[in-house]
Amino acid sequence: MYAIGSDGFLHTLSSANGADMTAPVPFLPPNPKPSALIFIDGVIYTTTSSGCGAVPNAVWAIDLTAGNKVTSWKTGG
């Protein structure tokens, strides 16, 4: 299971006990307001909104198969 902490790090959690299965990785700036995570072919997508934590409104992706490369596209609204 994947989750984003208030620090913007992506956590891979065990569904059995909630513990981190791997070390958390940087994904979003701190204090975001992310939407639900979508996992497709090794890439996790989310969106941010409301400018929370001064994080721009954008679509964000982290490619877990390519060294955790993060990409974002600002939505402008």
Protein backbone atom coordinates (compact mmCIF):
# COMPACT_ATOMS: atom_id res chain seq x y z
CA MET A 1 0.00 0.00 0.00
CA TYR A 2 1.29 3.49 -0.81
CA ALA A 3 0.73 6.70 1.17
CA ILE A 4 2.08 10.26 1.16
CA GLY A 5 3.11 11.81 4.47
CA SER A 6 2.78 15.47 5.39
CA ASP A 7 6.52 15.70 4.66
CA GLY A 8 5.75 14.86 0.99
CA PHE A 9 7.53 11.50 1.16
CA LEU A 10 6.03 8.42 -0.49
CA HIS A 11 5.73 5.49 1.93
CA THR A 12 5.34 1.83 0.99
CA LEU A 13 3.36 0.35 3.86
CA SER A 14 2.69 -3.23 4.91
CA SER A 15 -1.04 -3.93 4.92
CA ALA A 16 -0.48 -6.35 7.81
CA ASN A 17 0.95 -3.90 10.34
CA GLY A 18 1.30 -0.45 8.69
CA ALA A 19 5.09 -0.41 8.94
CA ASP A 20 7.27 1.01 6.17
CA MET A 21 8.40 -1.86 3.93
CA THR A 22 11.12 0.26 2.28
CA ALA A 23 12.71 3.59 3.06
CA PRO A 24 10.35 6.52 2.26
CA VAL A 25 11.28 8.46 -0.89
CA PRO A 26 10.85 12.18 -1.66
CA PHE A 27 7.84 12.77 -3.93
CA LEU A 28 6.03 16.07 -3.21
CA PRO A 29 7.04 19.27 -1.44
CA PRO A 30 6.11 19.34 2.29
CA ASN A 31 2.49 19.98 3.39
CA PRO A 32 0.73 19.10 0.13
CA LYS A 33 -2.95 18.37 -0.36
CA PRO A 34 -2.68 15.29 -2.61
CA SER A 35 -5.62 13.43 -4.09
CA ALA A 36 -5.90 9.64 -4.27
CA LEU A 37 -2.84 7.84 -5.60
CA ILE A 38 -3.06 5.94 -8.90
CA PHE A 39 -0.52 3.19 -9.69
CA ILE A 40 -0.01 2.25 -13.38
CA ASP A 41 2.93 0.20 -14.70
CA GLY A 42 5.35 1.20 -11.93
CA VAL A 43 4.38 4.89 -11.94
CA ILE A 44 2.36 6.54 -9.15
CA TYR A 45 0.26 9.60 -10.04
CA THR A 46 -1.52 12.15 -7.86
CA THR A 47 -2.72 15.73 -8.06
CA THR A 48 -2.33 18.63 -5.66
CA SER A 49 -4.86 21.40 -5.16
CA SER A 50 -5.82 24.43 -3.08
CA GLY A 51 -2.21 25.63 -2.94
CA CYS A 52 -1.75 23.96 0.46
CA GLY A 53 1.75 24.41 1.86
CA ALA A 54 2.55 26.65 -1.13
CA VAL A 55 2.63 23.49 -3.27
CA PRO A 56 1.55 24.36 -6.83
CA ASN A 57 -1.65 22.86 -8.22
CA ALA A 58 -0.30 20.12 -10.47
CA VAL A 59 -0.36 16.53 -11.64
CA TRP A 60 2.59 14.66 -10.13
CA ALA A 61 4.20 11.34 -11.10
CA ILE A 62 6.98 9.25 -9.57
CA ASP A 63 8.44 6.47 -11.69
CA LEU A 64 9.42 3.68 -9.32
CA THR A 65 11.07 1.73 -12.15
CA ALA A 66 13.39 4.60 -13.20
CA GLY A 67 15.13 5.51 -9.96
CA ASN A 68 12.14 7.31 -8.40
CA LYS A 69 12.19 10.10 -10.98
CA VAL A 70 9.56 12.75 -10.14
CA THR A 71 7.76 14.77 -12.83
CA SER A 72 5.01 17.37 -12.47
CA TRP A 73 2.73 19.37 -14.75
CA LYS A 74 1.18 22.57 -13.34
CA THR A 75 -2.56 22.79 -13.91
CA GLY A 76 -2.92 26.53 -13.40
CA GLY A 77 -6.00 26.19 -11.24
